[in-house]
Amino acid sequence: MGSKVVSTKLSEEEYGKLVGLCSASGYTVSKLLKRAILERMNEEGIQEVPTPKPASREEPKVIQTPQVKSTIQSEDRFQYY
């Protein structure tokens, strides 16, 4: 299973508080945010939703079988002048 990126914008003040919190706790910004998100999801009782399987594509059904001429007819020949 692959990873997905989650991003948000913070004001200068909010970002400063986040960096201060990270320094105090010893976590990087990414690790702290991931832990906070996962803890909140566990509190809310949100379970992981399975990724839907891609729909299988069936071959198109042929309505009519093409008719191919087996020999060259006079109307099929090109005339050069």
Protein backbone atom coordinates (compact mmCIF):
# COMPACT_ATOMS: atom_id res chain seq x y z
CA MET A 1 0.00 0.00 0.00
CA GLY A 2 1.42 3.39 -0.98
CA SER A 3 1.65 6.58 1.01
CA LYS A 4 -0.28 9.78 0.37
CA VAL A 5 0.77 13.35 1.15
CA VAL A 6 -1.43 15.59 3.28
CA SER A 7 -0.71 19.31 3.37
CA THR A 8 -2.14 22.47 4.91
CA LYS A 9 -1.28 26.14 5.20
CA LEU A 10 -0.53 27.78 8.54
CA SER A 11 -0.05 31.40 9.47
CA GLU A 12 3.41 32.50 10.61
CA GLU A 13 2.18 32.46 14.21
CA GLU A 14 0.65 28.98 13.91
CA TYR A 15 3.78 27.62 12.26
CA GLY A 16 5.97 29.11 14.98
CA LYS A 17 3.86 27.40 17.65
CA LEU A 18 4.06 24.11 15.75
CA VAL A 19 7.85 24.29 15.47
CA GLY A 20 8.10 25.16 19.17
CA LEU A 21 5.92 22.17 20.06
CA CYS A 22 8.07 19.93 17.88
CA SER A 23 11.26 21.18 19.55
CA ALA A 24 9.81 20.58 23.00
CA SER A 25 8.60 17.06 22.16
CA GLY A 26 11.59 15.96 20.07
CA TYR A 27 9.53 15.14 16.99
CA THR A 28 9.85 16.42 13.46
CA VAL A 29 6.91 18.40 12.07
CA SER A 30 5.89 15.43 9.89
CA LYS A 31 6.08 12.89 12.72
CA LEU A 32 4.17 15.12 15.14
CA LEU A 33 1.39 15.80 12.62
CA LYS A 34 1.10 12.14 11.70
CA ARG A 35 0.83 11.12 15.35
CA ALA A 36 -1.79 13.82 16.01
CA ILE A 37 -3.88 12.76 13.01
CA LEU A 38 -3.74 9.06 13.88
CA GLU A 39 -4.59 9.71 17.55
CA ARG A 40 -7.59 11.83 16.51
CA MET A 41 -8.77 9.15 14.12
CA ASN A 42 -8.55 6.54 16.90
CA GLU A 43 -10.54 8.82 19.25
CA GLU A 44 -13.26 9.23 16.65
CA GLY A 45 -13.37 5.49 16.01
CA ILE A 46 -12.62 5.93 12.33
CA GLN A 47 -11.57 2.68 10.75
CA GLU A 48 -9.42 2.34 7.68
CA VAL A 49 -11.53 2.16 4.55
CA PRO A 50 -10.29 -0.41 2.04
CA THR A 51 -9.24 0.95 -1.33
CA PRO A 52 -11.75 -0.06 -4.01
CA LYS A 53 -10.52 -2.47 -6.64
CA PRO A 54 -10.27 -1.08 -10.15
CA ALA A 55 -13.21 -2.04 -12.34
CA SER A 56 -12.42 -4.81 -14.78
CA ARG A 57 -12.83 -3.84 -18.39
CA GLU A 58 -14.54 -6.33 -20.62
CA GLU A 59 -13.69 -6.66 -24.27
CA PRO A 60 -16.24 -4.91 -26.49
CA LYS A 61 -18.67 -7.28 -28.13
CA VAL A 62 -18.57 -7.44 -31.93
CA ILE A 63 -22.00 -6.75 -33.35
CA GLN A 64 -21.15 -7.59 -36.97
CA THR A 65 -18.30 -9.59 -38.37
CA PRO A 66 -16.46 -7.58 -41.04
CA GLN A 67 -16.58 -9.05 -44.53
CA VAL A 68 -13.23 -9.14 -46.31
CA LYS A 69 -12.92 -9.68 -50.06
CA SER A 70 -10.63 -12.54 -50.84
CA THR A 71 -9.77 -11.44 -54.41
CA ILE A 72 -9.20 -8.10 -56.07
CA GLN A 73 -12.10 -7.03 -58.26
CA SER A 74 -11.92 -4.65 -61.19
CA GLU A 75 -13.51 -1.81 -59.15
CA ASP A 76 -10.74 -2.18 -56.56
CA ARG A 77 -7.93 -1.40 -59.01
CA PHE A 78 -6.48 2.08 -59.34
CA GLN A 79 -6.29 3.72 -62.72
CA TYR A 80 -3.22 5.79 -63.50
CA TYR A 81 -3.13 8.33 -66.33
